PDB file of all heavy atoms in Angstrom:
ATOM      1  N   HIS A   1       0.870  -1.172   0.000  1.00  0.00           N
ATOM      2  CA  HIS A   1       0.000   0.000   0.000  1.00  0.00           C
ATOM      3  C   HIS A   1       0.913   1.231   0.000  1.00  0.00           C
ATOM      4  O   HIS A   1       1.947   1.240   0.682  1.00  0.00           O
ATOM      5  CB  HIS A   1      -0.900   0.017   1.226  1.00  0.00           C
ATOM      6  CG  HIS A   1      -1.633  -1.269   1.453  1.00  0.00           C
ATOM      7  ND1 HIS A   1      -2.841  -1.558   0.860  1.00  0.00           N
ATOM      8  CD2 HIS A   1      -1.302  -2.370   2.201  1.00  0.00           C
ATOM      9  CE1 HIS A   1      -3.230  -2.755   1.232  1.00  0.00           C
ATOM     10  NE2 HIS A   1      -2.319  -3.276   2.044  1.00  0.00           N
ATOM     11  N   TYR A   2       0.517   2.251  -0.750  1.00  0.00           N
ATOM     12  CA  TYR A   2       1.405   3.397  -0.929  1.00  0.00           C
ATOM     13  C   TYR A   2       0.762   4.672  -0.380  1.00  0.00           C
ATOM     14  O   TYR A   2      -0.360   5.023  -0.742  1.00  0.00           O
ATOM     15  CB  TYR A   2       1.733   3.567  -2.408  1.00  0.00           C
ATOM     16  CG  TYR A   2       2.407   2.341  -2.990  1.00  0.00           C
ATOM     17  CD1 TYR A   2       1.675   1.415  -3.738  1.00  0.00           C
ATOM     18  CD2 TYR A   2       3.758   2.088  -2.759  1.00  0.00           C
ATOM     19  CE1 TYR A   2       2.278   0.285  -4.255  1.00  0.00           C
ATOM     20  CE2 TYR A   2       4.369   0.946  -3.273  1.00  0.00           C
ATOM     21  CZ  TYR A   2       3.627   0.057  -4.012  1.00  0.00           C
ATOM     22  OH  TYR A   2       4.224  -1.078  -4.520  1.00  0.00           O
ATOM     23  N   LEU A   3       1.493   5.328   0.505  1.00  0.00           N
ATOM     24  CA  LEU A   3       1.057   6.601   1.067  1.00  0.00           C
ATOM     25  C   LEU A   3       1.661   7.737   0.231  1.00  0.00           C
ATOM     26  O   LEU A   3       2.770   7.611  -0.277  1.00  0.00           O
ATOM     27  CB  LEU A   3       1.509   6.721   2.520  1.00  0.00           C
ATOM     28  CG  LEU A   3       0.980   5.630   3.458  1.00  0.00           C
ATOM     29  CD1 LEU A   3       1.677   5.701   4.816  1.00  0.00           C
ATOM     30  CD2 LEU A   3      -0.527   5.750   3.628  1.00  0.00           C
ATOM     31  N   GLU A   4       0.934   8.817   0.092  1.00  0.00           N
ATOM     32  CA  GLU A   4       1.410   9.964  -0.687  1.00  0.00           C
ATOM     33  C   GLU A   4       1.363  11.222   0.181  1.00  0.00           C
ATOM     34  O   GLU A   4       0.623  11.295   1.161  1.00  0.00           O
ATOM     35  CB  GLU A   4       0.532  10.171  -1.935  1.00  0.00           C
ATOM     36  CG  GLU A   4       0.446   8.985  -2.869  1.00  0.00           C
ATOM     37  CD  GLU A   4       1.716   8.720  -3.670  1.00  0.00           C
ATOM     38  OE1 GLU A   4       2.688   9.489  -3.532  1.00  0.00           O
ATOM     39  OE2 GLU A   4       1.740   7.731  -4.439  1.00  0.00           O
ATOM     40  N   TRP A   5       2.158  12.189  -0.207  1.00  0.00           N
ATOM     41  CA  TRP A   5       2.201  13.454   0.519  1.00  0.00           C
ATOM     42  C   TRP A   5       0.917  14.249   0.296  1.00  0.00           C
ATOM     43  O   TRP A   5       0.347  14.250  -0.800  1.00  0.00           O
ATOM     44  CB  TRP A   5       3.402  14.283   0.078  1.00  0.00           C
ATOM     45  CG  TRP A   5       4.700  13.663   0.479  1.00  0.00           C
ATOM     46  CD1 TRP A   5       5.560  12.971  -0.314  1.00  0.00           C
ATOM     47  CD2 TRP A   5       5.270  13.653   1.791  1.00  0.00           C
ATOM     48  NE1 TRP A   5       6.641  12.523   0.422  1.00  0.00           N
ATOM     49  CE2 TRP A   5       6.490  12.925   1.712  1.00  0.00           C
ATOM     50  CE3 TRP A   5       4.875  14.167   3.024  1.00  0.00           C
ATOM     51  CZ2 TRP A   5       7.306  12.728   2.825  1.00  0.00           C
ATOM     52  CZ3 TRP A   5       5.689  13.968   4.127  1.00  0.00           C
ATOM     53  CH2 TRP A   5       6.877  13.262   4.025  1.00  0.00           C
ATOM     54  N   LEU A   6       0.495  14.931   1.342  1.00  0.00           N
ATOM     55  CA  LEU A   6      -0.640  15.837   1.281  1.00  0.00           C
ATOM     56  C   LEU A   6      -0.109  17.270   1.344  1.00  0.00           C
ATOM     57  O   LEU A   6       0.968  17.524   1.901  1.00  0.00           O
ATOM     58  CB  LEU A   6      -1.577  15.599   2.472  1.00  0.00           C
ATOM     59  CG  LEU A   6      -2.062  14.167   2.700  1.00  0.00           C
ATOM     60  CD1 LEU A   6      -2.805  14.081   4.034  1.00  0.00           C
ATOM     61  CD2 LEU A   6      -2.942  13.701   1.549  1.00  0.00           C
ATOM     62  N   ILE A   7      -0.861  18.199   0.805  1.00  0.00           N
ATOM     63  CA  ILE A   7      -0.499  19.608   0.977  1.00  0.00           C
ATOM     64  C   ILE A   7      -0.860  20.003   2.405  1.00  0.00           C
ATOM     65  O   ILE A   7      -2.009  19.815   2.837  1.00  0.00           O
ATOM     66  CB  ILE A   7      -1.241  20.502  -0.027  1.00  0.00           C
ATOM     67  CG1 ILE A   7      -0.859  20.124  -1.462  1.00  0.00           C
ATOM     68  CG2 ILE A   7      -0.908  21.975   0.234  1.00  0.00           C
ATOM     69  CD1 ILE A   7       0.626  20.280  -1.768  1.00  0.00           C
ATOM     70  N   PRO A   8       0.084  20.492   3.184  1.00  0.00           N
ATOM     71  CA  PRO A   8      -0.209  20.826   4.587  1.00  0.00           C
ATOM     72  C   PRO A   8      -1.108  22.047   4.718  1.00  0.00           C
ATOM     73  O   PRO A   8      -1.112  22.927   3.852  1.00  0.00           O
ATOM     74  CB  PRO A   8       1.184  21.104   5.172  1.00  0.00           C
ATOM     75  CG  PRO A   8       2.011  21.530   3.997  1.00  0.00           C
ATOM     76  CD  PRO A   8       1.489  20.748   2.827  1.00  0.00           C
ATOM     77  N   TYR A   9      -1.863  22.079   5.803  1.00  0.00           N
ATOM     78  CA  TYR A   9      -2.623  23.267   6.146  1.00  0.00           C
ATOM     79  C   TYR A   9      -1.661  24.346   6.633  1.00  0.00           C
ATOM     80  O   TYR A   9      -0.512  24.065   6.994  1.00  0.00           O
ATOM     81  CB  TYR A   9      -3.633  22.965   7.248  1.00  0.00           C
ATOM     82  CG  TYR A   9      -4.642  21.895   6.899  1.00  0.00           C
ATOM     83  CD1 TYR A   9      -5.080  20.987   7.867  1.00  0.00           C
ATOM     84  CD2 TYR A   9      -5.175  21.795   5.615  1.00  0.00           C
ATOM     85  CE1 TYR A   9      -6.017  20.000   7.563  1.00  0.00           C
ATOM     86  CE2 TYR A   9      -6.109  20.813   5.311  1.00  0.00           C
ATOM     87  CZ  TYR A   9      -6.516  19.917   6.278  1.00  0.00           C
ATOM     88  OH  TYR A   9      -7.426  18.941   5.982  1.00  0.00           O
ATOM     89  N   SER A  10      -2.134  25.559   6.666  1.00  0.00           N
ATOM     90  CA  SER A  10      -1.306  26.660   7.160  1.00  0.00           C
ATOM     91  C   SER A  10      -0.914  26.413   8.623  1.00  0.00           C
ATOM     92  O   SER A  10      -1.781  26.154   9.467  1.00  0.00           O
ATOM     93  CB  SER A  10      -2.093  27.977   7.045  1.00  0.00           C
ATOM     94  OG  SER A  10      -1.339  29.057   7.560  1.00  0.00           O
ATOM     95  N   ASN A  11       0.388  26.447   8.889  1.00  0.00           N
ATOM     96  CA  ASN A  11       0.941  26.256  10.243  1.00  0.00           C
ATOM     97  C   ASN A  11       0.547  24.904  10.852  1.00  0.00           C
ATOM     98  O   ASN A  11       0.455  24.778  12.077  1.00  0.00           O
ATOM     99  CB  ASN A  11       0.488  27.395  11.175  1.00  0.00           C
ATOM    100  CG  ASN A  11       0.995  28.746  10.724  1.00  0.00           C
ATOM    101  OD1 ASN A  11       2.162  28.875  10.358  1.00  0.00           O
ATOM    102  ND2 ASN A  11       0.134  29.746  10.735  1.00  0.00           N
ATOM    103  N   GLU A  12       0.322  23.903  10.024  1.00  0.00           N
ATOM    104  CA  GLU A  12      -0.068  22.593  10.533  1.00  0.00           C
ATOM    105  C   GLU A  12       1.078  21.925  11.279  1.00  0.00           C
ATOM    106  O   GLU A  12       2.228  21.935  10.825  1.00  0.00           O
ATOM    107  CB  GLU A  12      -0.520  21.694   9.381  1.00  0.00           C
ATOM    108  CG  GLU A  12      -1.074  20.356   9.842  1.00  0.00           C
ATOM    109  CD  GLU A  12      -1.727  19.564   8.727  1.00  0.00           C
ATOM    110  OE1 GLU A  12      -1.448  19.858   7.545  1.00  0.00           O
ATOM    111  OE2 GLU A  12      -2.520  18.660   9.045  1.00  0.00           O
ATOM    112  N   THR A  13       0.774  21.332  12.421  1.00  0.00           N
ATOM    113  CA  THR A  13       1.792  20.623  13.180  1.00  0.00           C
ATOM    114  C   THR A  13       2.084  19.273  12.520  1.00  0.00           C
ATOM    115  O   THR A  13       1.258  18.724  11.783  1.00  0.00           O
ATOM    116  CB  THR A  13       1.335  20.370  14.625  1.00  0.00           C
ATOM    117  OG1 THR A  13       0.198  19.490  14.607  1.00  0.00           O
ATOM    118  CG2 THR A  13       0.983  21.673  15.334  1.00  0.00           C
ATOM    119  N   LEU A  14       3.266  18.742  12.812  1.00  0.00           N
ATOM    120  CA  LEU A  14       3.631  17.433  12.286  1.00  0.00           C
ATOM    121  C   LEU A  14       2.681  16.364  12.810  1.00  0.00           C
ATOM    122  O   LEU A  14       2.308  15.439  12.082  1.00  0.00           O
ATOM    123  CB  LEU A  14       5.074  17.103  12.672  1.00  0.00           C
ATOM    124  CG  LEU A  14       5.684  15.858  12.024  1.00  0.00           C
ATOM    125  CD1 LEU A  14       5.733  16.003  10.506  1.00  0.00           C
ATOM    126  CD2 LEU A  14       7.084  15.596  12.577  1.00  0.00           C
ATOM    127  N   SER A  15       2.268  16.491  14.067  1.00  0.00           N
ATOM    128  CA  SER A  15       1.349  15.524  14.663  1.00  0.00           C
ATOM    129  C   SER A  15       0.010  15.520  13.936  1.00  0.00           C
ATOM    130  O   SER A  15      -0.544  14.453  13.634  1.00  0.00           O
ATOM    131  CB  SER A  15       1.141  15.833  16.145  1.00  0.00           C
ATOM    132  OG  SER A  15       0.230  14.920  16.722  1.00  0.00           O
ATOM    133  N   ASN A  16      -0.525  16.691  13.654  1.00  0.00           N
ATOM    134  CA  ASN A  16      -1.809  16.759  12.953  1.00  0.00           C
ATOM    135  C   ASN A  16      -1.683  16.229  11.529  1.00  0.00           C
ATOM    136  O   ASN A  16      -2.574  15.533  11.024  1.00  0.00           O
ATOM    137  CB  ASN A  16      -2.321  18.196  12.925  1.00  0.00           C
ATOM    138  CG  ASN A  16      -3.761  18.285  12.454  1.00  0.00           C
ATOM    139  OD1 ASN A  16      -4.685  17.976  13.198  1.00  0.00           O
ATOM    140  ND2 ASN A  16      -3.961  18.683  11.194  1.00  0.00           N
ATOM    141  N   TYR A  17      -0.559  16.530  10.896  1.00  0.00           N
ATOM    142  CA  TYR A  17      -0.327  16.070   9.527  1.00  0.00           C
ATOM    143  C   TYR A  17      -0.300  14.545   9.476  1.00  0.00           C
ATOM    144  O   TYR A  17      -0.917  13.929   8.606  1.00  0.00           O
ATOM    145  CB  TYR A  17       0.988  16.650   9.008  1.00  0.00           C
ATOM    146  CG  TYR A  17       1.252  16.387   7.544  1.00  0.00           C
ATOM    147  CD1 TYR A  17       0.780  17.262   6.571  1.00  0.00           C
ATOM    148  CD2 TYR A  17       1.977  15.269   7.137  1.00  0.00           C
ATOM    149  CE1 TYR A  17       1.019  17.033   5.228  1.00  0.00           C
ATOM    150  CE2 TYR A  17       2.214  15.025   5.799  1.00  0.00           C
ATOM    151  CZ  TYR A  17       1.733  15.918   4.842  1.00  0.00           C
ATOM    152  OH  TYR A  17       1.981  15.669   3.512  1.00  0.00           O
ATOM    153  N   THR A  18       0.413  13.933  10.414  1.00  0.00           N
ATOM    154  CA  THR A  18       0.493  12.474  10.417  1.00  0.00           C
ATOM    155  C   THR A  18      -0.855  11.840  10.770  1.00  0.00           C
ATOM    156  O   THR A  18      -1.146  10.728  10.329  1.00  0.00           O
ATOM    157  CB  THR A  18       1.580  11.963  11.381  1.00  0.00           C
ATOM    158  OG1 THR A  18       1.373  12.517  12.690  1.00  0.00           O
ATOM    159  CG2 THR A  18       2.961  12.345  10.895  1.00  0.00           C
ATOM    160  N   THR A  19      -1.680  12.548  11.512  1.00  0.00           N
ATOM    161  CA  THR A  19      -3.037  12.045  11.777  1.00  0.00           C
ATOM    162  C   THR A  19      -3.827  11.969  10.479  1.00  0.00           C
ATOM    163  O   THR A  19      -4.593  11.016  10.254  1.00  0.00           O
ATOM    164  CB  THR A  19      -3.766  12.941  12.789  1.00  0.00           C
ATOM    165  OG1 THR A  19      -3.085  12.883  14.047  1.00  0.00           O
ATOM    166  CG2 THR A  19      -5.211  12.491  12.986  1.00  0.00           C
ATOM    167  N   ARG A  20      -3.642  12.932   9.603  1.00  0.00           N
ATOM    168  CA  ARG A  20      -4.323  12.890   8.303  1.00  0.00           C
ATOM    169  C   ARG A  20      -3.781  11.763   7.435  1.00  0.00           C
ATOM    170  O   ARG A  20      -4.540  11.084   6.732  1.00  0.00           O
ATOM    171  CB  ARG A  20      -4.189  14.233   7.591  1.00  0.00           C
ATOM    172  CG  ARG A  20      -4.961  15.360   8.257  1.00  0.00           C
ATOM    173  CD  ARG A  20      -5.244  16.476   7.276  1.00  0.00           C
ATOM    174  NE  ARG A  20      -4.058  17.252   6.949  1.00  0.00           N
ATOM    175  CZ  ARG A  20      -3.756  17.651   5.720  1.00  0.00           C
ATOM    176  NH1 ARG A  20      -4.533  17.317   4.695  1.00  0.00           N
ATOM    177  NH2 ARG A  20      -2.671  18.376   5.506  1.00  0.00           N
ATOM    178  N   ILE A  21      -2.456  11.553   7.474  1.00  0.00           N
ATOM    179  CA  ILE A  21      -1.863  10.429   6.749  1.00  0.00           C
ATOM    180  C   ILE A  21      -2.403   9.108   7.298  1.00  0.00           C
ATOM    181  O   ILE A  21      -2.684   8.159   6.553  1.00  0.00           O
ATOM    182  CB  ILE A  21      -0.331  10.457   6.849  1.00  0.00           C
ATOM    183  CG1 ILE A  21       0.259  11.696   6.151  1.00  0.00           C
ATOM    184  CG2 ILE A  21       0.273   9.175   6.277  1.00  0.00           C
ATOM    185  CD1 ILE A  21       0.222  11.655   4.651  1.00  0.00           C
ATOM    186  N   GLN A  22      -2.564   9.064   8.611  1.00  0.00           N
ATOM    187  CA  GLN A  22      -3.042   7.842   9.290  1.00  0.00           C
ATOM    188  C   GLN A  22      -4.387   7.381   8.748  1.00  0.00           C
ATOM    189  O   GLN A  22      -4.687   6.177   8.730  1.00  0.00           O
ATOM    190  CB  GLN A  22      -3.142   8.112  10.788  1.00  0.00           C
ATOM    191  CG  GLN A  22      -3.631   6.942  11.617  1.00  0.00           C
ATOM    192  CD  GLN A  22      -3.869   7.345  13.074  1.00  0.00           C
ATOM    193  OE1 GLN A  22      -3.378   8.376  13.532  1.00  0.00           O
ATOM    194  NE2 GLN A  22      -4.634   6.547  13.780  1.00  0.00           N
ATOM    195  N   GLU A  23      -5.213   8.309   8.289  1.00  0.00           N
ATOM    196  CA  GLU A  23      -6.532   7.962   7.763  1.00  0.00           C
ATOM    197  C   GLU A  23      -6.449   7.058   6.543  1.00  0.00           C
ATOM    198  O   GLU A  23      -7.427   6.376   6.202  1.00  0.00           O
ATOM    199  CB  GLU A  23      -7.304   9.245   7.434  1.00  0.00           C
ATOM    200  CG  GLU A  23      -7.640  10.087   8.659  1.00  0.00           C
ATOM    201  CD  GLU A  23      -8.276  11.418   8.291  1.00  0.00           C
ATOM    202  OE1 GLU A  23      -8.479  11.669   7.082  1.00  0.00           O
ATOM    203  OE2 GLU A  23      -8.565  12.206   9.220  1.00  0.00           O
ATOM    204  N   GLU A  24      -5.286   7.029   5.887  1.00  0.00           N
ATOM    205  CA  GLU A  24      -5.107   6.187   4.702  1.00  0.00           C
ATOM    206  C   GLU A  24      -4.694   4.763   5.063  1.00  0.00           C
ATOM    207  O   GLU A  24      -4.608   3.895   4.185  1.00  0.00           O
ATOM    208  CB  GLU A  24      -4.061   6.821   3.782  1.00  0.00           C
ATOM    209  CG  GLU A  24      -4.405   8.223   3.316  1.00  0.00           C
ATOM    210  CD  GLU A  24      -5.734   8.275   2.587  1.00  0.00           C
ATOM    211  OE1 GLU A  24      -5.977   7.374   1.757  1.00  0.00           O
ATOM    212  OE2 GLU A  24      -6.543   9.187   2.864  1.00  0.00           O
ATOM    213  N   ILE A  25      -4.417   4.497   6.334  1.00  0.00           N
ATOM    214  CA  ILE A  25      -3.994   3.158   6.764  1.00  0.00           C
ATOM    215  C   ILE A  25      -5.234   2.371   7.188  1.00  0.00           C
ATOM    216  O   ILE A  25      -5.888   2.700   8.174  1.00  0.00           O
ATOM    217  CB  ILE A  25      -2.970   3.253   7.910  1.00  0.00           C
ATOM    218  CG1 ILE A  25      -1.720   3.990   7.418  1.00  0.00           C
ATOM    219  CG2 ILE A  25      -2.607   1.869   8.435  1.00  0.00           C
ATOM    220  CD1 ILE A  25      -0.683   4.230   8.484  1.00  0.00           C
ATOM    221  N   LYS A  26      -5.548   1.336   6.429  1.00  0.00           N
ATOM    222  CA  LYS A  26      -6.802   0.612   6.603  1.00  0.00           C
ATOM    223  C   LYS A  26      -6.636  -0.761   7.251  1.00  0.00           C
ATOM    224  O   LYS A  26      -7.621  -1.487   7.407  1.00  0.00           O
ATOM    225  CB  LYS A  26      -7.484   0.434   5.241  1.00  0.00           C
ATOM    226  CG  LYS A  26      -7.654   1.716   4.430  1.00  0.00           C
ATOM    227  CD  LYS A  26      -8.487   2.755   5.156  1.00  0.00           C
ATOM    228  CE  LYS A  26      -8.698   3.988   4.274  1.00  0.00           C
ATOM    229  NZ  LYS A  26      -9.465   5.051   4.963  1.00  0.00           N
ATOM    230  N   HIS A  27      -5.414  -1.136   7.603  1.00  0.00           N
ATOM    231  CA  HIS A  27      -5.180  -2.470   8.154  1.00  0.00           C
ATOM    232  C   HIS A  27      -4.526  -2.375   9.530  1.00  0.00           C
ATOM    233  O   HIS A  27      -3.736  -1.465   9.789  1.00  0.00           O
ATOM    234  CB  HIS A  27      -4.293  -3.291   7.209  1.00  0.00           C
ATOM    235  CG  HIS A  27      -4.874  -3.451   5.846  1.00  0.00           C
ATOM    236  ND1 HIS A  27      -4.649  -2.523   4.840  1.00  0.00           N
ATOM    237  CD2 HIS A  27      -5.689  -4.406   5.330  1.00  0.00           C
ATOM    238  CE1 HIS A  27      -5.293  -2.918   3.751  1.00  0.00           C
ATOM    239  NE2 HIS A  27      -5.930  -4.058   4.021  1.00  0.00           N
ATOM    240  N   GLU A  28      -4.852  -3.316  10.387  1.00  0.00           N
ATOM    241  CA  GLU A  28      -4.277  -3.335  11.730  1.00  0.00           C
ATOM    242  C   GLU A  28      -2.868  -3.925  11.717  1.00  0.00           C
ATOM    243  O   GLU A  28      -2.567  -4.826  10.931  1.00  0.00           O
ATOM    244  CB  GLU A  28      -5.176  -4.143  12.673  1.00  0.00           C
ATOM    245  CG  GLU A  28      -6.529  -3.506  12.919  1.00  0.00           C
ATOM    246  CD  GLU A  28      -7.350  -4.288  13.928  1.00  0.00           C
ATOM    247  OE1 GLU A  28      -6.853  -5.330  14.414  1.00  0.00           O
ATOM    248  OE2 GLU A  28      -8.474  -3.856  14.237  1.00  0.00           O
ATOM    249  N   ASN A  29      -2.043  -3.370  12.586  1.00  0.00           N
ATOM    250  CA  ASN A  29      -0.699  -3.900  12.806  1.00  0.00           C
ATOM    251  C   ASN A  29       0.107  -4.045  11.509  1.00  0.00           C
ATOM    252  O   ASN A  29       0.712  -5.082  11.238  1.00  0.00           O
ATOM    253  CB  ASN A  29      -0.792  -5.269  13.494  1.00  0.00           C
ATOM    254  CG  ASN A  29       0.406  -5.542  14.372  1.00  0.00           C
ATOM    255  OD1 ASN A  29       0.959  -4.637  14.991  1.00  0.00           O
ATOM    256  ND2 ASN A  29       0.822  -6.786  14.432  1.00  0.00           N
ATOM    257  N   PRO A  30       0.181  -2.969  10.710  1.00  0.00           N
ATOM    258  CA  PRO A  30       0.911  -3.066   9.449  1.00  0.00           C
ATOM    259  C   PRO A  30       2.419  -2.904   9.651  1.00  0.00           C
ATOM    260  O   PRO A  30       2.886  -2.540  10.737  1.00  0.00           O
ATOM    261  CB  PRO A  30       0.365  -1.880   8.653  1.00  0.00           C
ATOM    262  CG  PRO A  30       0.126  -0.844   9.724  1.00  0.00           C
ATOM    263  CD  PRO A  30      -0.398  -1.630  10.911  1.00  0.00           C
ATOM    264  N   VAL A  31       3.160  -3.158   8.598  1.00  0.00           N
ATOM    265  CA  VAL A  31       4.570  -2.772   8.535  1.00  0.00           C
ATOM    266  C   VAL A  31       4.618  -1.392   7.892  1.00  0.00           C
ATOM    267  O   VAL A  31       3.983  -1.162   6.852  1.00  0.00           O
ATOM    268  CB  VAL A  31       5.391  -3.774   7.695  1.00  0.00           C
ATOM    269  CG1 VAL A  31       6.816  -3.253   7.473  1.00  0.00           C
ATOM    270  CG2 VAL A  31       5.418  -5.129   8.373  1.00  0.00           C
ATOM    271  N   LEU A  32       5.324  -0.462   8.511  1.00  0.00           N
ATOM    272  CA  LEU A  32       5.511   0.875   7.945  1.00  0.00           C
ATOM    273  C   LEU A  32       6.949   1.008   7.463  1.00  0.00           C
ATOM    274  O   LEU A  32       7.888   0.701   8.213  1.00  0.00           O
ATOM    275  CB  LEU A  32       5.216   1.955   8.982  1.00  0.00           C
ATOM    276  CG  LEU A  32       3.821   1.975   9.629  1.00  0.00           C
ATOM    277  CD1 LEU A  32       3.732   3.124  10.631  1.00  0.00           C
ATOM    278  CD2 LEU A  32       2.726   2.094   8.573  1.00  0.00           C
ATOM    279  N   ILE A  33       7.120   1.463   6.231  1.00  0.00           N
ATOM    280  CA  ILE A  33       8.455   1.688   5.681  1.00  0.00           C
ATOM    281  C   ILE A  33       8.517   3.100   5.124  1.00  0.00           C
ATOM    282  O   ILE A  33       7.706   3.472   4.265  1.00  0.00           O
ATOM    283  CB  ILE A  33       8.800   0.673   4.567  1.00  0.00           C
ATOM    284  CG1 ILE A  33       8.798  -0.756   5.119  1.00  0.00           C
ATOM    285  CG2 ILE A  33      10.149   1.008   3.934  1.00  0.00           C
ATOM    286  CD1 ILE A  33       9.115  -1.821   4.086  1.00  0.00           C
ATOM    287  N   GLY A  34       9.459   3.911   5.619  1.00  0.00           N
ATOM    288  CA  GLY A  34       9.575   5.289   5.167  1.00  0.00           C
ATOM    289  C   GLY A  34      10.989   5.639   4.773  1.00  0.00           C
ATOM    290  O   GLY A  34      11.953   5.177   5.393  1.00  0.00           O
ATOM    291  N   VAL A  35      11.114   6.451   3.747  1.00  0.00           N
ATOM    292  CA  VAL A  35      12.412   6.891   3.239  1.00  0.00           C
ATOM    293  C   VAL A  35      12.630   8.360   3.579  1.00  0.00           C
ATOM    294  O   VAL A  35      11.740   9.192   3.375  1.00  0.00           O
ATOM    295  CB  VAL A  35      12.493   6.693   1.707  1.00  0.00           C
ATOM    296  CG1 VAL A  35      13.755   7.331   1.135  1.00  0.00           C
ATOM    297  CG2 VAL A  35      12.437   5.213   1.357  1.00  0.00           C
ATOM    298  N   SER A  36      13.816   8.692   4.110  1.00  0.00           N
ATOM    299  CA  SER A  36      14.213  10.069   4.408  1.00  0.00           C
ATOM    300  C   SER A  36      13.165  10.758   5.288  1.00  0.00           C
ATOM    301  O   SER A  36      12.861  10.275   6.376  1.00  0.00           O
ATOM    302  CB  SER A  36      14.451  10.821   3.095  1.00  0.00           C
ATOM    303  OG  SER A  36      15.120  12.036   3.322  1.00  0.00           O
ATOM    304  N   PHE A  37      12.570  11.874   4.848  1.00  0.00           N
ATOM    305  CA  PHE A  37      11.540  12.529   5.653  1.00  0.00           C
ATOM    306  C   PHE A  37      10.356  11.585   5.875  1.00  0.00           C
ATOM    307  O   PHE A  37       9.688  11.634   6.911  1.00  0.00           O
ATOM    308  CB  PHE A  37      11.081  13.825   4.974  1.00  0.00           C
ATOM    309  CG  PHE A  37      10.113  14.657   5.772  1.00  0.00           C
ATOM    310  CD1 PHE A  37      10.119  14.657   7.159  1.00  0.00           C
ATOM    311  CD2 PHE A  37       9.192  15.465   5.127  1.00  0.00           C
ATOM    312  CE1 PHE A  37       9.230  15.443   7.899  1.00  0.00           C
ATOM    313  CE2 PHE A  37       8.297  16.249   5.839  1.00  0.00           C
ATOM    314  CZ  PHE A  37       8.314  16.238   7.225  1.00  0.00           C
ATOM    315  N   GLY A  38      10.119  10.701   4.911  1.00  0.00           N
ATOM    316  CA  GLY A  38       9.088   9.683   5.092  1.00  0.00           C
ATOM    317  C   GLY A  38       9.389   8.770   6.262  1.00  0.00           C
ATOM    318  O   GLY A  38       8.486   8.222   6.894  1.00  0.00           O
ATOM    319  N   GLY A  39      10.683   8.604   6.572  1.00  0.00           N
ATOM    320  CA  GLY A  39      11.080   7.830   7.742  1.00  0.00           C
ATOM    321  C   GLY A  39      10.666   8.505   9.035  1.00  0.00           C
ATOM    322  O   GLY A  39      10.286   7.838  10.008  1.00  0.00           O
ATOM    323  N   ILE A  40      10.743   9.817   9.055  1.00  0.00           N
ATOM    324  CA  ILE A  40      10.266  10.563  10.222  1.00  0.00           C
ATOM    325  C   ILE A  40       8.746  10.437  10.342  1.00  0.00           C
ATOM    326  O   ILE A  40       8.205  10.231  11.436  1.00  0.00           O
ATOM    327  CB  ILE A  40      10.697  12.042  10.122  1.00  0.00           C
ATOM    328  CG1 ILE A  40      12.218  12.155  10.288  1.00  0.00           C
ATOM    329  CG2 ILE A  40       9.961  12.913  11.151  1.00  0.00           C
ATOM    330  CD1 ILE A  40      12.770  13.557  10.100  1.00  0.00           C
ATOM    331  N   ILE A  41       8.071  10.521   9.205  1.00  0.00           N
ATOM    332  CA  ILE A  41       6.611  10.406   9.213  1.00  0.00           C
ATOM    333  C   ILE A  41       6.165   9.052   9.762  1.00  0.00           C
ATOM    334  O   ILE A  41       5.255   8.976  10.603  1.00  0.00           O
ATOM    335  CB  ILE A  41       6.038  10.622   7.800  1.00  0.00           C
ATOM    336  CG1 ILE A  41       6.283  12.064   7.316  1.00  0.00           C
ATOM    337  CG2 ILE A  41       4.545  10.287   7.760  1.00  0.00           C
ATOM    338  CD1 ILE A  41       5.562  13.131   8.092  1.00  0.00           C
ATOM    339  N   VAL A  42       6.790   7.955   9.318  1.00  0.00           N
ATOM    340  CA  VAL A  42       6.335   6.639   9.803  1.00  0.00           C
ATOM    341  C   VAL A  42       6.658   6.455  11.282  1.00  0.00           C
ATOM    342  O   VAL A  42       5.920   5.753  11.992  1.00  0.00           O
ATOM    343  CB  VAL A  42       6.894   5.471   8.960  1.00  0.00           C
ATOM    344  CG1 VAL A  42       6.413   5.572   7.519  1.00  0.00           C
ATOM    345  CG2 VAL A  42       8.407   5.356   9.042  1.00  0.00           C
ATOM    346  N   GLN A  43       7.714   7.092  11.776  1.00  0.00           N
ATOM    347  CA  GLN A  43       7.988   7.016  13.214  1.00  0.00           C
ATOM    348  C   GLN A  43       6.915   7.766  14.006  1.00  0.00           C
ATOM    349  O   GLN A  43       6.509   7.324  15.090  1.00  0.00           O
ATOM    350  CB  GLN A  43       9.372   7.595  13.514  1.00  0.00           C
ATOM    351  CG  GLN A  43      10.506   6.693  13.027  1.00  0.00           C
ATOM    352  CD  GLN A  43      11.861   7.303  13.271  1.00  0.00           C
ATOM    353  OE1 GLN A  43      12.440   7.162  14.355  1.00  0.00           O
ATOM    354  NE2 GLN A  43      12.391   7.978  12.267  1.00  0.00           N
ATOM    355  N   GLU A  44       6.444   8.882  13.465  1.00  0.00           N
ATOM    356  CA  GLU A  44       5.355   9.609  14.121  1.00  0.00           C
ATOM    357  C   GLU A  44       4.055   8.809  14.039  1.00  0.00           C
ATOM    358  O   GLU A  44       3.268   8.793  14.992  1.00  0.00           O
ATOM    359  CB  GLU A  44       5.184  10.988  13.472  1.00  0.00           C
ATOM    360  CG  GLU A  44       6.339  11.951  13.735  1.00  0.00           C
ATOM    361  CD  GLU A  44       6.502  12.255  15.215  1.00  0.00           C
ATOM    362  OE1 GLU A  44       5.502  12.638  15.857  1.00  0.00           O
ATOM    363  OE2 GLU A  44       7.629  12.099  15.737  1.00  0.00           O
TER     364      GLU A  44
END
């Protein structure tokens, strides 16, 4: 499954941004793999 970048809201926090990304994850207990800044996102 592939996650894509969203355009951030004005002054959006990283936590809120990752919550929006989280909405695209439809399966329990998945493996998350992130590259570079994507690595920071999957850790969040």
